[in-house]
């Protein structure tokens, strides 16, 4: 494991996105595999197409 993260409190999509962008992605190399569980904090609201 190269990008551990500890957050005291409930995880939300903003914290998760910041972790992915600023902690996880910089540690990745070509052909690395990332496994994620299916948690609600990974979901983001998508902009409306209206």
PDB file of N, CA and C in Angstrom:
ATOM      1  N   UNK A   1       0.864  -1.174   0.000  1.00  0.00           N
ATOM      2  CA  UNK A   1       0.000   0.000   0.000  1.00  0.00           C
ATOM      3  C   UNK A   1       0.904   1.228   0.000  1.00  0.00           C
ATOM      4  N   UNK A   2       0.621   2.128  -0.929  1.00  0.00           N
ATOM      5  CA  UNK A   2       1.495   3.298  -1.066  1.00  0.00           C
ATOM      6  C   UNK A   2       0.832   4.626  -0.737  1.00  0.00           C
ATOM      7  N   UNK A   3      -0.494   4.643  -0.601  1.00  0.00           N
ATOM      8  CA  UNK A   3      -1.178   5.919  -0.365  1.00  0.00           C
ATOM      9  C   UNK A   3      -2.233   5.776   0.729  1.00  0.00           C
ATOM     10  N   UNK A   4      -1.807   5.413   1.949  1.00  0.00           N
ATOM     11  CA  UNK A   4      -2.802   5.283   3.019  1.00  0.00           C
ATOM     12  C   UNK A   4      -3.383   6.651   3.378  1.00  0.00           C
ATOM     13  N   UNK A   5      -4.579   6.625   3.915  1.00  0.00           N
ATOM     14  CA  UNK A   5      -5.266   7.867   4.277  1.00  0.00           C
ATOM     15  C   UNK A   5      -6.142   7.609   5.490  1.00  0.00           C
ATOM     16  N   UNK A   6      -6.015   8.448   6.502  1.00  0.00           N
ATOM     17  CA  UNK A   6      -6.851   8.339   7.691  1.00  0.00           C
ATOM     18  C   UNK A   6      -7.601   9.647   7.855  1.00  0.00           C
ATOM     19  N   UNK A   7      -8.891   9.532   8.007  1.00  0.00           N
ATOM     20  CA  UNK A   7      -9.739  10.711   8.215  1.00  0.00           C
ATOM     21  C   UNK A   7     -10.606  10.449   9.433  1.00  0.00           C
ATOM     22  N   UNK A   8     -10.559  11.328  10.402  1.00  0.00           N
ATOM     23  CA  UNK A   8     -11.356  11.177  11.615  1.00  0.00           C
ATOM     24  C   UNK A   8     -12.729  11.790  11.373  1.00  0.00           C
ATOM     25  N   UNK A   9     -13.707  10.948  11.127  1.00  0.00           N
ATOM     26  CA  UNK A   9     -15.068  11.416  10.867  1.00  0.00           C
ATOM     27  C   UNK A   9     -15.624  10.747   9.634  1.00  0.00           C
ATOM     28  N   UNK A  10     -16.792  11.211   9.231  1.00  0.00           N
ATOM     29  CA  UNK A  10     -17.465  10.620   8.071  1.00  0.00           C
ATOM     30  C   UNK A  10     -16.776  11.044   6.780  1.00  0.00           C
ATOM     31  N   UNK A  11     -16.647  10.101   5.876  1.00  0.00           N
ATOM     32  CA  UNK A  11     -16.067  10.379   4.563  1.00  0.00           C
ATOM     33  C   UNK A  11     -17.169  10.904   3.653  1.00  0.00           C
ATOM     34  N   UNK A  12     -16.854  11.882   2.830  1.00  0.00           N
ATOM     35  CA  UNK A  12     -17.814  12.373   1.851  1.00  0.00           C
ATOM     36  C   UNK A  12     -17.112  12.468   0.499  1.00  0.00           C
ATOM     37  N   UNK A  13     -17.864  12.808  -0.526  1.00  0.00           N
ATOM     38  CA  UNK A  13     -17.298  12.796  -1.880  1.00  0.00           C
ATOM     39  C   UNK A  13     -16.183  13.827  -2.054  1.00  0.00           C
ATOM     40  N   UNK A  14     -16.281  14.964  -1.377  1.00  0.00           N
ATOM     41  CA  UNK A  14     -15.235  15.985  -1.495  1.00  0.00           C
ATOM     42  C   UNK A  14     -13.913  15.520  -0.911  1.00  0.00           C
ATOM     43  N   UNK A  15     -13.972  14.888   0.254  1.00  0.00           N
ATOM     44  CA  UNK A  15     -12.761  14.364   0.886  1.00  0.00           C
ATOM     45  C   UNK A  15     -12.186  13.235   0.041  1.00  0.00           C
ATOM     46  N   UNK A  16     -13.060  12.358  -0.448  1.00  0.00           N
ATOM     47  CA  UNK A  16     -12.600  11.251  -1.276  1.00  0.00           C
ATOM     48  C   UNK A  16     -11.940  11.760  -2.554  1.00  0.00           C
ATOM     49  N   UNK A  17     -12.544  12.729  -3.208  1.00  0.00           N
ATOM     50  CA  UNK A  17     -11.984  13.275  -4.442  1.00  0.00           C
ATOM     51  C   UNK A  17     -10.631  13.927  -4.178  1.00  0.00           C
ATOM     52  N   UNK A  18     -10.518  14.668  -3.077  1.00  0.00           N
ATOM     53  CA  UNK A  18      -9.242  15.294  -2.732  1.00  0.00           C
ATOM     54  C   UNK A  18      -8.170  14.239  -2.483  1.00  0.00           C
ATOM     55  N   UNK A  19      -8.537  13.157  -1.798  1.00  0.00           N
ATOM     56  CA  UNK A  19      -7.594  12.064  -1.560  1.00  0.00           C
ATOM     57  C   UNK A  19      -7.112  11.466  -2.885  1.00  0.00           C
ATOM     58  N   UNK A  20      -8.048  11.176  -3.776  1.00  0.00           N
ATOM     59  CA  UNK A  20      -7.682  10.567  -5.060  1.00  0.00           C
ATOM     60  C   UNK A  20      -6.749  11.491  -5.832  1.00  0.00           C
ATOM     61  N   UNK A  21      -7.096  12.769  -5.924  1.00  0.00           N
ATOM     62  CA  UNK A  21      -6.314  13.710  -6.728  1.00  0.00           C
ATOM     63  C   UNK A  21      -4.950  14.033  -6.126  1.00  0.00           C
ATOM     64  N   UNK A  22      -4.911  14.232  -4.796  1.00  0.00           N
ATOM     65  CA  UNK A  22      -3.696  14.768  -4.180  1.00  0.00           C
ATOM     66  C   UNK A  22      -2.827  13.722  -3.477  1.00  0.00           C
ATOM     67  N   UNK A  23      -3.395  12.565  -3.161  1.00  0.00           N
ATOM     68  CA  UNK A  23      -2.625  11.544  -2.447  1.00  0.00           C
ATOM     69  C   UNK A  23      -2.420  10.300  -3.317  1.00  0.00           C
ATOM     70  N   UNK A  24      -3.517   9.750  -3.833  1.00  0.00           N
ATOM     71  CA  UNK A  24      -3.425   8.488  -4.567  1.00  0.00           C
ATOM     72  C   UNK A  24      -2.773   8.635  -5.944  1.00  0.00           C
ATOM     73  N   UNK A  25      -3.309   9.515  -6.781  1.00  0.00           N
ATOM     74  CA  UNK A  25      -2.836   9.626  -8.164  1.00  0.00           C
ATOM     75  C   UNK A  25      -1.326   9.903  -8.251  1.00  0.00           C
ATOM     76  N   UNK A  26      -0.766  10.782  -7.424  1.00  0.00           N
ATOM     77  CA  UNK A  26       0.677  11.016  -7.539  1.00  0.00           C
ATOM     78  C   UNK A  26       1.543   9.778  -7.258  1.00  0.00           C
ATOM     79  N   UNK A  27       0.996   8.757  -6.599  1.00  0.00           N
ATOM     80  CA  UNK A  27       1.780   7.561  -6.297  1.00  0.00           C
ATOM     81  C   UNK A  27       1.671   6.494  -7.370  1.00  0.00           C
ATOM     82  N   UNK A  28       0.765   6.668  -8.326  1.00  0.00           N
ATOM     83  CA  UNK A  28       0.512   5.620  -9.310  1.00  0.00           C
ATOM     84  C   UNK A  28       1.540   5.615 -10.432  1.00  0.00           C
ATOM     85  N   UNK A  29       1.805   4.403 -10.886  1.00  0.00           N
ATOM     86  CA  UNK A  29       2.676   4.199 -12.042  1.00  0.00           C
ATOM     87  C   UNK A  29       1.856   3.560 -13.152  1.00  0.00           C
ATOM     88  N   UNK A  30       2.378   3.601 -14.345  1.00  0.00           N
ATOM     89  CA  UNK A  30       1.702   2.966 -15.477  1.00  0.00           C
ATOM     90  C   UNK A  30       1.451   1.499 -15.145  1.00  0.00           C
ATOM     91  N   UNK A  31       0.277   1.012 -15.494  1.00  0.00           N
ATOM     92  CA  UNK A  31      -0.146  -0.373 -15.272  1.00  0.00           C
ATOM     93  C   UNK A  31      -0.466  -0.704 -13.818  1.00  0.00           C
ATOM     94  N   UNK A  32      -0.456   0.263 -12.911  1.00  0.00           N
ATOM     95  CA  UNK A  32      -0.921   0.006 -11.542  1.00  0.00           C
ATOM     96  C   UNK A  32      -2.418  -0.291 -11.565  1.00  0.00           C
ATOM     97  N   UNK A  33      -2.862  -1.039 -10.604  1.00  0.00           N
ATOM     98  CA  UNK A  33      -4.280  -1.374 -10.479  1.00  0.00           C
ATOM     99  C   UNK A  33      -4.777  -0.813  -9.153  1.00  0.00           C
ATOM    100  N   UNK A  34      -5.911  -0.132  -9.198  1.00  0.00           N
ATOM    101  CA  UNK A  34      -6.528   0.427  -7.997  1.00  0.00           C
ATOM    102  C   UNK A  34      -7.861  -0.278  -7.786  1.00  0.00           C
ATOM    103  N   UNK A  35      -8.055  -0.823  -6.605  1.00  0.00           N
ATOM    104  CA  UNK A  35      -9.318  -1.463  -6.249  1.00  0.00           C
ATOM    105  C   UNK A  35     -10.050  -0.590  -5.253  1.00  0.00           C
ATOM    106  N   UNK A  36     -11.324  -0.335  -5.524  1.00  0.00           N
ATOM    107  CA  UNK A  36     -12.151   0.471  -4.628  1.00  0.00           C
ATOM    108  C   UNK A  36     -13.396  -0.321  -4.268  1.00  0.00           C
ATOM    109  N   UNK A  37     -13.843  -0.175  -3.051  1.00  0.00           N
ATOM    110  CA  UNK A  37     -15.117  -0.796  -2.702  1.00  0.00           C
ATOM    111  C   UNK A  37     -16.245   0.120  -3.165  1.00  0.00           C
ATOM    112  N   UNK A  38     -17.447  -0.301  -2.991  1.00  0.00           N
ATOM    113  CA  UNK A  38     -18.605   0.441  -3.482  1.00  0.00           C
ATOM    114  C   UNK A  38     -19.208   1.264  -2.338  1.00  0.00           C
ATOM    115  N   UNK A  39     -18.554   2.357  -1.989  1.00  0.00           N
ATOM    116  CA  UNK A  39     -19.069   3.210  -0.918  1.00  0.00           C
ATOM    117  C   UNK A  39     -19.733   4.445  -1.499  1.00  0.00           C
ATOM    118  N   UNK A  40     -20.661   4.996  -0.777  1.00  0.00           N
ATOM    119  CA  UNK A  40     -21.394   6.173  -1.260  1.00  0.00           C
ATOM    120  C   UNK A  40     -20.505   7.401  -1.387  1.00  0.00           C
ATOM    121  N   UNK A  41     -19.426   7.483  -0.629  1.00  0.00           N
ATOM    122  CA  UNK A  41     -18.577   8.679  -0.705  1.00  0.00           C
ATOM    123  C   UNK A  41     -17.887   8.810  -2.055  1.00  0.00           C
ATOM    124  N   UNK A  42     -17.862   7.735  -2.840  1.00  0.00           N
ATOM    125  CA  UNK A  42     -17.253   7.808  -4.162  1.00  0.00           C
ATOM    126  C   UNK A  42     -18.196   8.413  -5.189  1.00  0.00           C
ATOM    127  N   UNK A  43     -19.463   8.533  -4.854  1.00  0.00           N
ATOM    128  CA  UNK A  43     -20.447   9.085  -5.785  1.00  0.00           C
ATOM    129  C   UNK A  43     -20.423  10.600  -5.704  1.00  0.00           C
ATOM    130  N   UNK A  44     -20.515  11.238  -6.862  1.00  0.00           N
ATOM    131  CA  UNK A  44     -20.585  12.701  -6.919  1.00  0.00           C
ATOM    132  C   UNK A  44     -21.838  13.090  -7.651  1.00  0.00           C
ATOM    133  N   UNK A  45     -22.354  14.263  -7.325  1.00  0.00           N
ATOM    134  CA  UNK A  45     -23.487  14.784  -8.091  1.00  0.00           C
ATOM    135  C   UNK A  45     -22.964  15.181  -9.465  1.00  0.00           C
ATOM    136  N   UNK A  46     -23.684  14.794 -10.477  1.00  0.00           N
ATOM    137  CA  UNK A  46     -23.297  15.145 -11.841  1.00  0.00           C
ATOM    138  C   UNK A  46     -24.082  16.357 -12.286  1.00  0.00           C
ATOM    139  N   UNK A  47     -23.428  17.252 -13.033  1.00  0.00           N
ATOM    140  CA  UNK A  47     -24.145  18.444 -13.508  1.00  0.00           C
ATOM    141  C   UNK A  47     -25.322  18.059 -14.412  1.00  0.00           C
ATOM    142  N   UNK A  48     -26.357  18.831 -14.315  1.00  0.00           N
ATOM    143  CA  UNK A  48     -27.530  18.608 -15.146  1.00  0.00           C
ATOM    144  C   UNK A  48     -27.218  19.017 -16.581  1.00  0.00           C
ATOM    145  N   UNK A  49     -27.786  18.310 -17.534  1.00  0.00           N
ATOM    146  CA  UNK A  49     -27.594  18.649 -18.947  1.00  0.00           C
ATOM    147  C   UNK A  49     -28.653  19.620 -19.467  1.00  0.00           C
ATOM    148  N   UNK A  50     -29.408  20.176 -18.568  1.00  0.00           N
ATOM    149  CA  UNK A  50     -30.486  21.088 -18.988  1.00  0.00           C
ATOM    150  C   UNK A  50     -29.989  22.464 -19.302  1.00  0.00           C
TER     151      UNK A  50
END
